[in-house]
Amino acid sequence: MSETIHAPSAPKAVGNYPHARRVGELLFLSGIGPRDPATDAIPGNELFADGRVRRYDIEAQTRAVFANVQAVLEASGARWDDLVDVTVYLTDMARDFKAYNAIWAEYFPDPATAPCRTTLGITALPTPIAIELKCTAIAKD
């Protein structure tokens, strides 16, 4: 049996899926991006008139995506420390990994207690974002 989680303080999903699903003590978060929950804007993006991205700020997007993950965790009754596995998708690994990795170290300063992590370089995400996280956590009742 599973429970669907909707996080009112996180951005709306861009498709027909929940923010998270709890199965026993495991919590599976859907892919989460950096969109602002109130405005749906993407922090740090500058767009051309036609909507294409002119430039973006990976640091702003990383901090925003971490805040959105935290909002979903909290709505699920979990905490940041409950994360056990994170898959990171970056649209420009060569440009963005160093900055992303530095911010990761701020949030997880001790490798002994940090979640496992896999970082993938991909060509695109479904909206004009540069980062998305897919997370698994332990969520005890």
N, C-alpha and C. Protein backbone atom coordinates (compact mmCIF):
# COMPACT_ATOMS: atom_id res chain seq x y z
N MET A 1 0.84 -1.18 0.00
CA MET A 1 0.00 0.00 0.00
C MET A 1 0.89 1.24 0.00
N SER A 2 0.44 2.30 -0.68
CA SER A 2 1.23 3.52 -0.75
C SER A 2 0.34 4.73 -0.51
N GLU A 3 0.99 5.80 -0.16
CA GLU A 3 0.31 7.08 0.12
C GLU A 3 0.87 8.14 -0.80
N THR A 4 0.00 8.89 -1.45
CA THR A 4 0.41 9.99 -2.31
C THR A 4 0.58 11.25 -1.47
N ILE A 5 1.64 11.99 -1.74
CA ILE A 5 1.95 13.22 -1.00
C ILE A 5 1.85 14.41 -1.95
N HIS A 6 1.11 15.42 -1.52
CA HIS A 6 1.08 16.71 -2.22
C HIS A 6 1.63 17.75 -1.26
N ALA A 7 2.59 18.53 -1.72
CA ALA A 7 3.23 19.55 -0.89
C ALA A 7 2.74 20.93 -1.31
N PRO A 8 1.84 21.55 -0.55
CA PRO A 8 1.31 22.86 -0.94
C PRO A 8 2.37 23.95 -1.07
N SER A 9 3.50 23.82 -0.35
CA SER A 9 4.53 24.86 -0.41
C SER A 9 5.60 24.58 -1.46
N ALA A 10 5.40 23.56 -2.28
CA ALA A 10 6.32 23.26 -3.38
C ALA A 10 5.67 23.67 -4.70
N PRO A 11 6.46 23.87 -5.76
CA PRO A 11 5.87 24.20 -7.06
C PRO A 11 4.97 23.07 -7.54
N LYS A 12 3.96 23.42 -8.30
CA LYS A 12 3.08 22.41 -8.89
C LYS A 12 3.90 21.53 -9.82
N ALA A 13 3.52 20.26 -9.88
CA ALA A 13 4.17 19.34 -10.81
C ALA A 13 3.88 19.80 -12.24
N VAL A 14 4.80 19.54 -13.16
CA VAL A 14 4.59 19.95 -14.55
C VAL A 14 3.84 18.88 -15.34
N GLY A 15 3.46 17.82 -14.68
CA GLY A 15 2.70 16.74 -15.30
C GLY A 15 1.70 16.17 -14.32
N ASN A 16 1.09 15.09 -14.69
CA ASN A 16 0.06 14.46 -13.88
C ASN A 16 0.70 13.40 -12.97
N TYR A 17 1.35 13.86 -11.90
CA TYR A 17 2.01 12.97 -10.94
C TYR A 17 2.11 13.68 -9.59
N PRO A 18 2.28 12.92 -8.52
CA PRO A 18 2.38 13.52 -7.18
C PRO A 18 3.78 14.05 -6.91
N HIS A 19 3.88 14.88 -5.88
CA HIS A 19 5.20 15.33 -5.44
C HIS A 19 6.02 14.16 -4.90
N ALA A 20 5.32 13.24 -4.21
CA ALA A 20 6.02 12.11 -3.61
C ALA A 20 5.02 10.99 -3.36
N ARG A 21 5.59 9.82 -3.09
CA ARG A 21 4.79 8.66 -2.72
C ARG A 21 5.53 7.91 -1.62
N ARG A 22 4.79 7.62 -0.54
CA ARG A 22 5.35 6.85 0.57
C ARG A 22 4.92 5.40 0.42
N VAL A 23 5.90 4.50 0.52
CA VAL A 23 5.65 3.06 0.51
C VAL A 23 6.37 2.51 1.73
N GLY A 24 5.61 2.15 2.75
CA GLY A 24 6.23 1.74 4.01
C GLY A 24 7.02 2.91 4.57
N GLU A 25 8.29 2.67 4.89
CA GLU A 25 9.14 3.74 5.41
C GLU A 25 9.94 4.44 4.32
N LEU A 26 9.73 4.04 3.07
CA LEU A 26 10.44 4.69 1.97
C LEU A 26 9.60 5.81 1.37
N LEU A 27 10.26 6.90 1.06
CA LEU A 27 9.61 8.05 0.45
C LEU A 27 10.31 8.32 -0.88
N PHE A 28 9.55 8.27 -1.96
CA PHE A 28 10.07 8.50 -3.30
C PHE A 28 9.57 9.85 -3.80
N LEU A 29 10.47 10.79 -4.02
CA LEU A 29 10.10 12.10 -4.54
C LEU A 29 10.14 12.08 -6.06
N SER A 30 9.15 12.68 -6.69
CA SER A 30 9.21 12.87 -8.14
C SER A 30 10.33 13.84 -8.45
N GLY A 31 10.74 13.92 -9.70
CA GLY A 31 11.76 14.88 -10.09
C GLY A 31 11.34 16.28 -9.69
N ILE A 32 12.24 17.00 -9.05
CA ILE A 32 11.93 18.33 -8.54
C ILE A 32 12.91 19.33 -9.13
N GLY A 33 12.36 20.41 -9.66
CA GLY A 33 13.17 21.48 -10.24
C GLY A 33 13.18 22.71 -9.37
N PRO A 34 13.78 23.79 -9.87
CA PRO A 34 13.97 24.99 -9.08
C PRO A 34 12.88 26.06 -9.21
N ARG A 35 11.74 25.73 -9.81
CA ARG A 35 10.73 26.77 -10.01
C ARG A 35 10.24 27.34 -8.68
N ASP A 36 9.95 28.63 -8.68
CA ASP A 36 9.43 29.32 -7.50
C ASP A 36 8.00 28.85 -7.24
N PRO A 37 7.69 28.38 -6.03
CA PRO A 37 6.35 27.87 -5.75
C PRO A 37 5.23 28.91 -5.92
N ALA A 38 5.54 30.17 -5.67
CA ALA A 38 4.51 31.20 -5.73
C ALA A 38 4.27 31.74 -7.13
N THR A 39 5.36 31.88 -7.90
CA THR A 39 5.24 32.55 -9.21
C THR A 39 5.47 31.63 -10.40
N ASP A 40 6.02 30.45 -10.16
CA ASP A 40 6.40 29.50 -11.20
C ASP A 40 7.61 29.97 -12.01
N ALA A 41 8.22 31.08 -11.60
CA ALA A 41 9.41 31.59 -12.29
C ALA A 41 10.61 30.70 -11.96
N ILE A 42 11.59 30.72 -12.83
CA ILE A 42 12.80 29.94 -12.62
C ILE A 42 13.90 30.90 -12.17
N PRO A 43 14.36 30.75 -10.93
CA PRO A 43 15.37 31.68 -10.40
C PRO A 43 16.63 31.72 -11.27
N GLY A 44 17.10 32.93 -11.53
CA GLY A 44 18.34 33.11 -12.25
C GLY A 44 18.25 33.01 -13.76
N ASN A 45 17.07 32.74 -14.30
CA ASN A 45 16.95 32.65 -15.76
C ASN A 45 16.75 34.03 -16.37
N GLU A 46 17.48 34.32 -17.44
CA GLU A 46 17.23 35.47 -18.30
C GLU A 46 16.82 34.90 -19.64
N LEU A 47 15.71 35.36 -20.17
CA LEU A 47 15.17 34.80 -21.40
C LEU A 47 15.24 35.80 -22.55
N PHE A 48 15.38 35.26 -23.75
CA PHE A 48 15.20 36.07 -24.95
C PHE A 48 13.71 36.32 -25.11
N ALA A 49 13.32 37.26 -25.98
CA ALA A 49 11.91 37.59 -26.21
C ALA A 49 11.09 36.37 -26.64
N ASP A 50 11.73 35.43 -27.33
CA ASP A 50 11.00 34.25 -27.80
C ASP A 50 10.91 33.13 -26.75
N GLY A 51 11.43 33.38 -25.54
CA GLY A 51 11.32 32.40 -24.46
C GLY A 51 12.51 31.49 -24.28
N ARG A 52 13.47 31.52 -25.20
CA ARG A 52 14.68 30.72 -25.04
C ARG A 52 15.54 31.31 -23.93
N VAL A 53 16.32 30.45 -23.28
CA VAL A 53 17.17 30.91 -22.19
C VAL A 53 18.40 31.62 -22.75
N ARG A 54 18.59 32.86 -22.32
CA ARG A 54 19.77 33.64 -22.69
C ARG A 54 20.92 33.25 -21.77
N ARG A 55 20.65 33.25 -20.46
CA ARG A 55 21.63 32.80 -19.48
C ARG A 55 20.89 32.39 -18.22
N TYR A 56 21.58 31.60 -17.40
CA TYR A 56 20.98 31.13 -16.16
C TYR A 56 22.04 31.12 -15.07
N ASP A 57 21.57 31.07 -13.84
CA ASP A 57 22.43 31.07 -12.66
C ASP A 57 22.27 29.72 -11.96
N ILE A 58 23.25 28.83 -12.12
CA ILE A 58 23.14 27.49 -11.53
C ILE A 58 23.13 27.55 -10.01
N GLU A 59 23.80 28.52 -9.42
CA GLU A 59 23.78 28.63 -7.96
C GLU A 59 22.38 28.96 -7.47
N ALA A 60 21.70 29.91 -8.10
CA ALA A 60 20.33 30.26 -7.72
C ALA A 60 19.40 29.08 -7.93
N GLN A 61 19.57 28.37 -9.04
CA GLN A 61 18.70 27.22 -9.31
C GLN A 61 18.98 26.08 -8.33
N THR A 62 20.23 25.88 -7.96
CA THR A 62 20.56 24.81 -7.01
C THR A 62 19.94 25.10 -5.65
N ARG A 63 20.08 26.32 -5.17
CA ARG A 63 19.49 26.66 -3.87
C ARG A 63 17.96 26.53 -3.91
N ALA A 64 17.37 26.92 -5.04
CA ALA A 64 15.90 26.82 -5.17
C ALA A 64 15.44 25.36 -5.21
N VAL A 65 16.17 24.52 -5.92
CA VAL A 65 15.77 23.12 -5.99
C VAL A 65 15.93 22.46 -4.63
N PHE A 66 16.96 22.81 -3.88
CA PHE A 66 17.11 22.26 -2.53
C PHE A 66 15.95 22.71 -1.64
N ALA A 67 15.54 23.96 -1.75
CA ALA A 67 14.40 24.45 -0.97
C ALA A 67 13.12 23.70 -1.34
N ASN A 68 12.94 23.41 -2.63
CA ASN A 68 11.74 22.69 -3.07
C ASN A 68 11.76 21.24 -2.59
N VAL A 69 12.93 20.61 -2.60
CA VAL A 69 13.04 19.25 -2.05
C VAL A 69 12.69 19.28 -0.57
N GLN A 70 13.21 20.26 0.14
CA GLN A 70 12.92 20.36 1.58
C GLN A 70 11.42 20.54 1.82
N ALA A 71 10.75 21.32 0.99
CA ALA A 71 9.31 21.53 1.15
C ALA A 71 8.54 20.21 0.97
N VAL A 72 8.94 19.41 0.01
CA VAL A 72 8.27 18.12 -0.20
C VAL A 72 8.58 17.17 0.95
N LEU A 73 9.82 17.15 1.40
CA LEU A 73 10.16 16.31 2.55
C LEU A 73 9.32 16.68 3.76
N GLU A 74 9.23 17.97 4.06
CA GLU A 74 8.46 18.42 5.22
C GLU A 74 6.99 18.07 5.09
N ALA A 75 6.43 18.22 3.89
CA ALA A 75 5.01 17.86 3.68
C ALA A 75 4.80 16.36 3.84
N SER A 76 5.87 15.59 3.71
CA SER A 76 5.81 14.14 3.84
C SER A 76 6.13 13.66 5.25
N GLY A 77 6.44 14.60 6.13
CA GLY A 77 6.81 14.22 7.50
C GLY A 77 8.26 13.80 7.62
N ALA A 78 9.07 14.13 6.64
CA ALA A 78 10.49 13.77 6.65
C ALA A 78 11.33 15.03 6.79
N ARG A 79 12.63 14.82 6.99
CA ARG A 79 13.58 15.93 7.14
C ARG A 79 14.70 15.77 6.13
N TRP A 80 15.49 16.81 6.02
CA TRP A 80 16.65 16.82 5.13
C TRP A 80 17.56 15.62 5.43
N ASP A 81 17.77 15.35 6.72
CA ASP A 81 18.66 14.26 7.13
C ASP A 81 18.11 12.88 6.79
N ASP A 82 16.86 12.79 6.37
CA ASP A 82 16.25 11.51 6.02
C ASP A 82 16.55 11.09 4.58
N LEU A 83 17.14 11.98 3.78
CA LEU A 83 17.50 11.63 2.41
C LEU A 83 18.53 10.50 2.42
N VAL A 84 18.32 9.49 1.57
CA VAL A 84 19.29 8.40 1.48
C VAL A 84 19.90 8.27 0.08
N ASP A 85 19.22 8.79 -0.94
CA ASP A 85 19.74 8.68 -2.29
C ASP A 85 19.22 9.85 -3.12
N VAL A 86 20.12 10.48 -3.88
CA VAL A 86 19.76 11.62 -4.72
C VAL A 86 20.38 11.41 -6.10
N THR A 87 19.55 11.54 -7.13
CA THR A 87 20.04 11.57 -8.50
C THR A 87 19.90 13.01 -8.98
N VAL A 88 21.00 13.55 -9.47
CA VAL A 88 21.05 14.94 -9.92
C VAL A 88 21.17 14.96 -11.44
N TYR A 89 20.35 15.75 -12.08
CA TYR A 89 20.41 15.93 -13.53
C TYR A 89 20.86 17.35 -13.82
N LEU A 90 21.98 17.50 -14.52
CA LEU A 90 22.49 18.81 -14.92
C LEU A 90 22.51 18.88 -16.44
N THR A 91 22.03 20.01 -16.98
CA THR A 91 22.02 20.14 -18.43
C THR A 91 23.37 20.58 -19.00
N ASP A 92 24.28 21.02 -18.15
CA ASP A 92 25.63 21.38 -18.59
C ASP A 92 26.63 20.96 -17.52
N MET A 93 27.00 19.70 -17.55
CA MET A 93 27.88 19.13 -16.53
C MET A 93 29.20 19.90 -16.45
N ALA A 94 29.82 20.17 -17.59
CA ALA A 94 31.13 20.83 -17.59
C ALA A 94 31.07 22.21 -16.95
N ARG A 95 30.03 22.96 -17.22
CA ARG A 95 29.91 24.32 -16.71
C ARG A 95 29.44 24.36 -15.26
N ASP A 96 28.53 23.46 -14.88
CA ASP A 96 27.78 23.62 -13.63
C ASP A 96 28.18 22.70 -12.49
N PHE A 97 28.91 21.63 -12.76
CA PHE A 97 29.16 20.65 -11.70
C PHE A 97 29.91 21.26 -10.52
N LYS A 98 30.94 22.03 -10.77
CA LYS A 98 31.75 22.58 -9.67
C LYS A 98 30.90 23.45 -8.73
N ALA A 99 30.09 24.33 -9.28
CA ALA A 99 29.24 25.19 -8.45
C ALA A 99 28.19 24.37 -7.72
N TYR A 100 27.58 23.43 -8.42
CA TYR A 100 26.59 22.56 -7.77
C TYR A 100 27.24 21.79 -6.63
N ASN A 101 28.39 21.21 -6.88
CA ASN A 101 29.07 20.39 -5.89
C ASN A 101 29.44 21.21 -4.64
N ALA A 102 29.81 22.46 -4.83
CA ALA A 102 30.14 23.33 -3.69
C ALA A 102 28.90 23.59 -2.83
N ILE A 103 27.76 23.82 -3.46
CA ILE A 103 26.53 24.04 -2.69
C ILE A 103 26.11 22.75 -2.00
N TRP A 104 26.25 21.62 -2.69
CA TRP A 104 25.95 20.33 -2.06
C TRP A 104 26.74 20.20 -0.76
N ALA A 105 28.02 20.57 -0.78
CA ALA A 105 28.88 20.45 0.40
C ALA A 105 28.41 21.36 1.54
N GLU A 106 27.77 22.48 1.22
CA GLU A 106 27.20 23.33 2.27
C GLU A 106 26.05 22.61 2.98
N TYR A 107 25.22 21.93 2.21
CA TYR A 107 24.05 21.25 2.76
C TYR A 107 24.42 19.91 3.39
N PHE A 108 25.47 19.28 2.88
CA PHE A 108 25.91 17.97 3.37
C PHE A 108 27.42 18.02 3.63
N PRO A 109 27.84 18.70 4.71
CA PRO A 109 29.27 18.88 4.95
C PRO A 109 30.01 17.60 5.34
N ASP A 110 29.30 16.60 5.86
CA ASP A 110 29.93 15.37 6.31
C ASP A 110 29.59 14.22 5.37
N PRO A 111 30.53 13.75 4.59
CA PRO A 111 30.24 12.65 3.66
C PRO A 111 29.70 11.40 4.37
N ALA A 112 30.04 11.22 5.65
CA ALA A 112 29.58 10.04 6.38
C ALA A 112 28.07 10.05 6.61
N THR A 113 27.46 11.23 6.60
CA THR A 113 26.02 11.32 6.83
C THR A 113 25.25 11.81 5.60
N ALA A 114 25.96 12.14 4.55
CA ALA A 114 25.31 12.61 3.31
C ALA A 114 24.61 11.45 2.62
N PRO A 115 23.56 11.75 1.85
CA PRO A 115 22.94 10.68 1.07
C PRO A 115 23.86 10.23 -0.06
N CYS A 116 23.61 9.04 -0.57
CA CYS A 116 24.30 8.62 -1.78
C CYS A 116 23.89 9.58 -2.89
N ARG A 117 24.76 9.74 -3.90
CA ARG A 117 24.45 10.69 -4.97
C ARG A 117 25.00 10.20 -6.30
N THR A 118 24.19 10.38 -7.33
CA THR A 118 24.61 10.14 -8.70
C THR A 118 24.31 11.42 -9.46
N THR A 119 25.27 11.91 -10.23
CA THR A 119 25.07 13.13 -11.01
C THR A 119 25.21 12.79 -12.49
N LEU A 120 24.20 13.15 -13.25
CA LEU A 120 24.16 12.84 -14.68
C LEU A 120 24.11 14.13 -15.49
N GLY A 121 24.87 14.17 -16.57
CA GLY A 121 24.78 15.26 -17.53
C GLY A 121 23.79 14.85 -18.61
N ILE A 122 22.80 15.68 -18.83
CA ILE A 122 21.76 15.38 -19.82
C ILE A 122 21.62 16.57 -20.77
N THR A 123 20.96 16.36 -21.89
CA THR A 123 20.86 17.44 -22.87
C THR A 123 19.73 18.42 -22.60
N ALA A 124 18.68 17.98 -21.92
CA ALA A 124 17.55 18.89 -21.69
C ALA A 124 16.65 18.34 -20.58
N LEU A 125 15.88 19.24 -20.00
CA LEU A 125 14.82 18.90 -19.05
C LEU A 125 13.52 19.44 -19.63
N PRO A 126 12.37 19.02 -19.10
CA PRO A 126 11.10 19.37 -19.74
C PRO A 126 10.73 20.86 -19.72
N THR A 127 11.35 21.62 -18.85
CA THR A 127 11.14 23.07 -18.81
C THR A 127 12.52 23.71 -18.86
N PRO A 128 12.65 25.01 -19.05
CA PRO A 128 13.98 25.63 -19.18
C PRO A 128 14.72 25.77 -17.85
N ILE A 129 14.98 24.63 -17.22
CA ILE A 129 15.75 24.58 -15.99
C ILE A 129 17.08 23.88 -16.28
N ALA A 130 18.06 24.13 -15.43
CA ALA A 130 19.39 23.56 -15.62
C ALA A 130 19.67 22.41 -14.66
N ILE A 131 18.77 22.18 -13.69
CA ILE A 131 18.99 21.15 -12.68
C ILE A 131 17.66 20.56 -12.24
N GLU A 132 17.68 19.28 -11.96
CA GLU A 132 16.53 18.59 -11.37
C GLU A 132 17.06 17.51 -10.45
N LEU A 133 16.36 17.27 -9.34
CA LEU A 133 16.75 16.23 -8.39
C LEU A 133 15.65 15.18 -8.29
N LYS A 134 16.07 13.94 -8.17
CA LYS A 134 15.19 12.80 -7.92
C LYS A 134 15.69 12.18 -6.64
N CYS A 135 14.84 12.11 -5.61
CA CYS A 135 15.30 11.74 -4.28
C CYS A 135 14.51 10.59 -3.67
N THR A 136 15.21 9.85 -2.81
CA THR A 136 14.59 8.82 -2.00
C THR A 136 14.98 9.11 -0.55
N ALA A 137 14.01 8.97 0.35
CA ALA A 137 14.26 9.23 1.77
C ALA A 137 13.61 8.13 2.62
N ILE A 138 14.03 8.08 3.85
CA ILE A 138 13.37 7.23 4.85
C ILE A 138 12.42 8.15 5.60
N ALA A 139 11.17 7.76 5.68
CA ALA A 139 10.16 8.59 6.35
C ALA A 139 9.44 7.73 7.37
N LYS A 140 9.91 7.78 8.58
CA LYS A 140 9.28 6.99 9.65
C LYS A 140 8.02 7.71 10.11
N ASP A 141 7.02 6.93 10.44
CA ASP A 141 5.77 7.53 10.94
C ASP A 141 5.93 8.12 12.30
